[in-house]
Amino acid sequence: MFDVDSPVERRALLRRAGAVAALLPLGGLLSACGEVEAGANGDEPSGSGSAASDGASSGVDQASAGSAGSVLVAYFSATGNTAGIASAVVEHLGADTFEISPAQPYADVDLNYNDDGSRVSQERASDARPELSQDIPDGFADYDIVFLGYPIWWGEAAWPLRTFVEANDFSGKVVVPFCTSASSGIGGSGEALAELAGAGDWREGSRFSGSAPTVDVADWVDGLGL
């Protein structure tokens, strides 16, 4: 489905911003409450509930560690919505980027939250930690601030985020979560991830629609006072 093994520079993510925008109408069809990166939550699984899917390419997007200072934007996107918001943060801050990519990419059928037998439904039931193509970003220890993006699935952060936060050491880092969804708020998804991480200075996050204007994202970032 997607090439999950080839690293690309942050510039590639920005160049894809236009393509991501073209995917946004699809994101609207997929949801009702959040982003289950395949249907229901902005980046949700297909259907009209609270699992979501982002549908962007699965792969590792990463600039050289420290090339833009000490800020990293790490995100998982199944339908493209979260990727679009992540690219806006990256462009505004000149930050580095890392795409959280499942070793086995999610196909459209996997993201159907209305199907109890679908992959996202089964992973939800088993509290799964999907395997990632790369768990730890290169030079992760050097970053002071980490923006963490994801779609909302059934009111929670998409499952690959569980794997990512448990694999990394957030000690001494400021962590700012953000999510995309069709209607659901960020809820307690950030707090849940902070609990799994067990370390880091986790700040209050924000929810965006997949079609949020770039200026809104920039204003949010500026208002964080980081």
Protein backbone atom coordinates (compact mmCIF):
# COMPACT_ATOMS: atom_id res chain seq x y z
CA MET A 1 0.00 0.00 0.00
CA PHE A 2 2.69 2.45 1.06
CA ASP A 3 6.46 2.30 1.25
CA VAL A 4 7.04 2.17 4.99
CA ASP A 5 10.80 1.79 4.82
CA SER A 6 12.09 4.83 2.93
CA PRO A 7 13.07 7.87 5.06
CA VAL A 8 12.42 11.27 3.58
CA GLU A 9 13.35 14.80 4.54
CA ARG A 10 10.96 17.18 6.22
CA ARG A 11 10.79 19.01 2.91
CA ALA A 12 8.98 16.02 1.42
CA LEU A 13 6.23 16.32 3.99
CA LEU A 14 5.75 19.98 3.15
CA ARG A 15 5.66 19.24 -0.57
CA ARG A 16 2.92 16.71 0.11
CA ALA A 17 0.76 19.30 1.87
CA GLY A 18 -1.08 20.05 -1.34
CA ALA A 19 -1.73 16.38 -1.92
CA VAL A 20 -2.97 15.98 1.62
CA ALA A 21 -5.47 18.78 1.07
CA ALA A 22 -6.89 16.82 -1.82
CA LEU A 23 -7.55 13.91 0.52
CA LEU A 24 -9.56 15.94 3.01
CA PRO A 25 -12.96 15.31 1.39
CA LEU A 26 -12.29 11.60 1.87
CA GLY A 27 -11.64 12.19 5.54
CA GLY A 28 -15.11 13.74 5.82
CA LEU A 29 -16.68 10.60 4.38
CA LEU A 30 -14.94 8.47 6.92
CA SER A 31 -16.30 9.86 10.07
CA ALA A 32 -18.47 11.06 12.76
CA CYS A 33 -16.50 11.50 15.90
CA GLY A 34 -12.83 11.48 15.56
CA GLU A 35 -10.10 9.97 13.58
CA VAL A 36 -9.61 6.29 13.73
CA GLU A 37 -7.19 6.70 10.93
CA ALA A 38 -9.45 4.72 8.81
CA GLY A 39 -12.88 5.65 9.49
CA ALA A 40 -14.58 7.51 12.20
CA ASN A 41 -12.73 10.28 13.91
CA GLY A 42 -11.40 12.72 11.40
CA ASP A 43 -8.60 10.27 10.88
CA GLU A 44 -10.98 7.56 11.88
CA PRO A 45 -11.96 4.15 10.59
CA SER A 46 -14.77 4.06 8.08
CA GLY A 47 -18.27 4.47 9.38
CA SER A 48 -19.77 7.09 11.63
CA GLY A 49 -18.59 6.54 15.12
CA SER A 50 -15.47 7.28 17.07
CA ALA A 51 -12.62 5.34 15.55
CA ALA A 52 -10.70 7.25 12.95
CA SER A 53 -8.22 6.92 10.19
CA ASP A 54 -5.93 9.34 8.55
CA GLY A 55 -5.00 7.60 5.41
CA ALA A 56 -1.74 9.35 4.69
CA SER A 57 1.22 7.36 3.52
CA SER A 58 2.80 5.15 6.12
CA GLY A 59 6.50 5.72 6.25
CA VAL A 60 9.18 7.42 8.23
CA ASP A 61 9.41 11.12 7.51
CA GLN A 62 12.36 12.47 9.36
CA ALA A 63 14.83 15.30 9.03
CA SER A 64 18.29 15.11 10.48
CA ALA A 65 18.16 15.24 14.25
CA GLY A 66 18.67 18.75 15.54
CA SER A 67 18.70 20.29 12.07
CA ALA A 68 15.93 22.69 13.02
CA GLY A 69 16.69 23.07 16.69
CA SER A 70 15.15 21.04 19.47
CA VAL A 71 11.56 20.58 18.27
CA LEU A 72 10.22 17.35 16.80
CA VAL A 73 6.77 16.77 15.34
CA ALA A 74 5.97 13.06 15.55
CA TYR A 75 2.65 11.94 14.10
CA PHE A 76 0.58 9.02 12.91
CA SER A 77 -1.87 9.63 10.07
CA ALA A 78 -4.10 7.11 8.35
CA THR A 79 -6.20 9.26 6.06
CA GLY A 80 -4.07 12.34 5.65
CA ASN A 81 -5.82 14.64 8.11
CA THR A 82 -3.26 14.45 10.89
CA ALA A 83 -0.44 14.71 8.35
CA GLY A 84 -1.89 18.01 7.17
CA ILE A 85 -1.93 19.50 10.66
CA ALA A 86 1.54 18.13 11.37
CA SER A 87 2.90 19.76 8.24
CA ALA A 88 1.45 23.11 9.35
CA VAL A 89 3.25 22.84 12.71
CA VAL A 90 6.48 21.81 11.01
CA GLU A 91 6.34 24.67 8.54
CA HIS A 92 5.52 27.25 11.21
CA LEU A 93 8.32 26.19 13.56
CA GLY A 94 10.87 24.86 11.10
CA ALA A 95 10.77 21.69 13.21
CA ASP A 96 11.97 18.20 12.40
CA THR A 97 9.39 15.53 11.67
CA PHE A 98 8.92 11.81 12.22
CA GLU A 99 6.06 9.75 10.84
CA ILE A 100 4.92 6.99 13.17
CA SER A 101 4.43 4.14 10.72
CA PRO A 102 2.90 0.73 11.48
CA ALA A 103 5.05 -2.13 10.20
CA GLN A 104 1.84 -3.40 8.59
CA PRO A 105 0.06 -0.38 7.08
CA TYR A 106 -3.68 -0.06 7.60
CA ALA A 107 -5.74 -0.85 4.50
CA ASP A 108 -9.16 0.73 4.05
CA VAL A 109 -10.88 -2.46 5.14
CA ASP A 110 -8.81 -2.50 8.34
CA LEU A 111 -10.22 0.87 9.34
CA ASN A 112 -13.90 -0.04 9.27
CA TYR A 113 -14.92 0.51 12.87
CA ASN A 114 -18.46 -0.65 12.09
CA ASP A 115 -17.07 -4.15 11.51
CA ASP A 116 -16.30 -5.95 14.77
CA GLY A 117 -13.95 -8.18 12.81
CA SER A 118 -11.89 -5.35 11.31
CA ARG A 119 -8.30 -4.83 12.34
CA VAL A 120 -8.92 -1.61 14.29
CA SER A 121 -11.86 -3.21 16.10
CA GLN A 122 -9.86 -6.30 17.01
CA GLU A 123 -6.90 -4.21 18.13
CA ARG A 124 -9.19 -2.11 20.27
CA ALA A 125 -10.63 -5.19 21.93
CA SER A 126 -7.18 -6.59 22.70
CA ASP A 127 -5.62 -3.25 23.77
CA ALA A 128 -3.02 -3.87 21.08
CA ARG A 129 0.35 -2.21 20.53
CA PRO A 130 0.82 -2.41 16.76
CA GLU A 131 4.40 -3.02 15.67
CA LEU A 132 6.04 0.03 14.11
CA SER A 133 8.56 0.18 11.29
CA GLN A 134 10.72 2.33 13.56
CA ASP A 135 10.00 2.82 17.26
CA ILE A 136 12.52 5.50 18.20
CA PRO A 137 13.25 8.56 16.03
CA ASP A 138 16.93 9.16 15.24
CA GLY A 139 18.42 11.56 17.78
CA PHE A 140 15.27 11.52 19.92
CA ALA A 141 17.24 12.24 23.09
CA ASP A 142 18.33 15.59 21.65
CA TYR A 143 14.84 17.06 21.37
CA ASP A 144 13.46 19.29 24.11
CA ILE A 145 9.94 19.70 22.71
CA VAL A 146 7.87 17.00 21.04
CA PHE A 147 4.56 17.67 19.31
CA LEU A 148 2.65 14.40 19.13
CA GLY A 149 -0.13 14.07 16.54
CA TYR A 150 -2.73 11.40 16.02
CA PRO A 151 -6.31 10.73 14.94
CA ILE A 152 -8.99 9.97 17.53
CA TRP A 153 -10.27 6.40 17.49
CA TRP A 154 -13.25 5.67 19.73
CA GLY A 155 -12.34 8.70 21.83
CA GLU A 156 -8.73 7.58 22.23
CA ALA A 157 -5.40 8.18 20.53
CA ALA A 158 -4.94 5.81 17.58
CA TRP A 159 -3.40 2.54 18.69
CA PRO A 160 0.08 3.02 17.14
CA LEU A 161 0.60 5.88 19.60
CA ARG A 162 0.58 3.36 22.45
CA THR A 163 3.54 1.60 20.93
CA PHE A 164 5.38 4.84 20.27
CA VAL A 165 5.06 6.44 23.70
CA GLU A 166 5.96 3.24 25.52
CA ALA A 167 9.08 2.80 23.38
CA ASN A 168 10.49 6.28 23.97
CA ASP A 169 11.90 8.13 26.97
CA PHE A 170 10.19 11.50 27.39
CA SER A 171 12.15 12.48 30.48
CA GLY A 172 13.02 16.18 30.43
CA LYS A 173 10.86 16.85 27.37
CA VAL A 174 7.83 19.08 26.92
CA VAL A 175 5.20 17.06 25.08
CA VAL A 176 2.30 18.73 23.27
CA PRO A 177 -0.38 16.40 21.91
CA PHE A 178 -2.72 17.31 19.06
CA CYS A 179 -5.34 15.30 17.28
CA THR A 180 -7.74 15.35 14.35
CA SER A 181 -11.32 14.19 14.33
CA ALA A 182 -14.61 14.83 12.60
CA SER A 183 -16.36 15.93 15.79
CA SER A 184 -14.89 14.37 18.93
CA GLY A 185 -12.67 16.48 21.15
CA ILE A 186 -9.21 15.49 22.35
CA GLY A 187 -10.77 14.32 25.60
CA GLY A 188 -8.42 12.47 27.91
CA SER A 189 -6.32 11.00 25.09
CA GLY A 190 -3.28 13.10 25.97
CA GLU A 191 -3.47 12.20 29.66
CA ALA A 192 -3.77 8.52 28.76
CA LEU A 193 -0.63 8.71 26.62
CA ALA A 194 1.21 10.58 29.38
CA GLU A 195 0.35 7.77 31.76
CA LEU A 196 1.72 5.19 29.34
CA ALA A 197 4.88 7.23 28.81
CA GLY A 198 5.46 7.67 32.53
CA ALA A 199 7.70 10.70 32.03
CA GLY A 200 7.79 14.12 30.43
CA ASP A 201 6.07 17.46 30.93
CA TRP A 202 2.82 16.83 29.08
CA ARG A 203 0.84 19.93 28.17
CA GLU A 204 -2.84 20.30 27.38
CA GLY A 205 -3.45 19.35 23.77
CA SER A 206 -5.83 20.52 21.07
CA ARG A 207 -8.16 18.99 18.50
CA PHE A 208 -8.38 20.11 14.86
CA SER A 209 -10.63 19.21 11.99
CA GLY A 210 -8.86 17.86 8.96
CA SER A 211 -9.65 21.08 7.11
CA ALA A 212 -8.39 23.46 9.80
CA PRO A 213 -6.75 26.57 8.27
CA THR A 214 -2.98 26.78 8.60
CA VAL A 215 -3.33 30.12 10.38
CA ASP A 216 -5.39 28.46 13.13
CA VAL A 217 -2.66 25.92 13.70
CA ALA A 218 0.01 28.63 13.77
CA ASP A 219 -2.01 30.72 16.25
CA TRP A 220 -2.39 27.69 18.51
CA VAL A 221 1.33 26.99 18.44
CA ASP A 222 2.16 30.63 19.19
CA GLY A 223 -0.25 30.63 22.10
CA LEU A 224 1.51 27.75 23.82
CA GLY A 225 4.28 30.03 25.05
CA LEU A 226 6.99 27.43 24.47
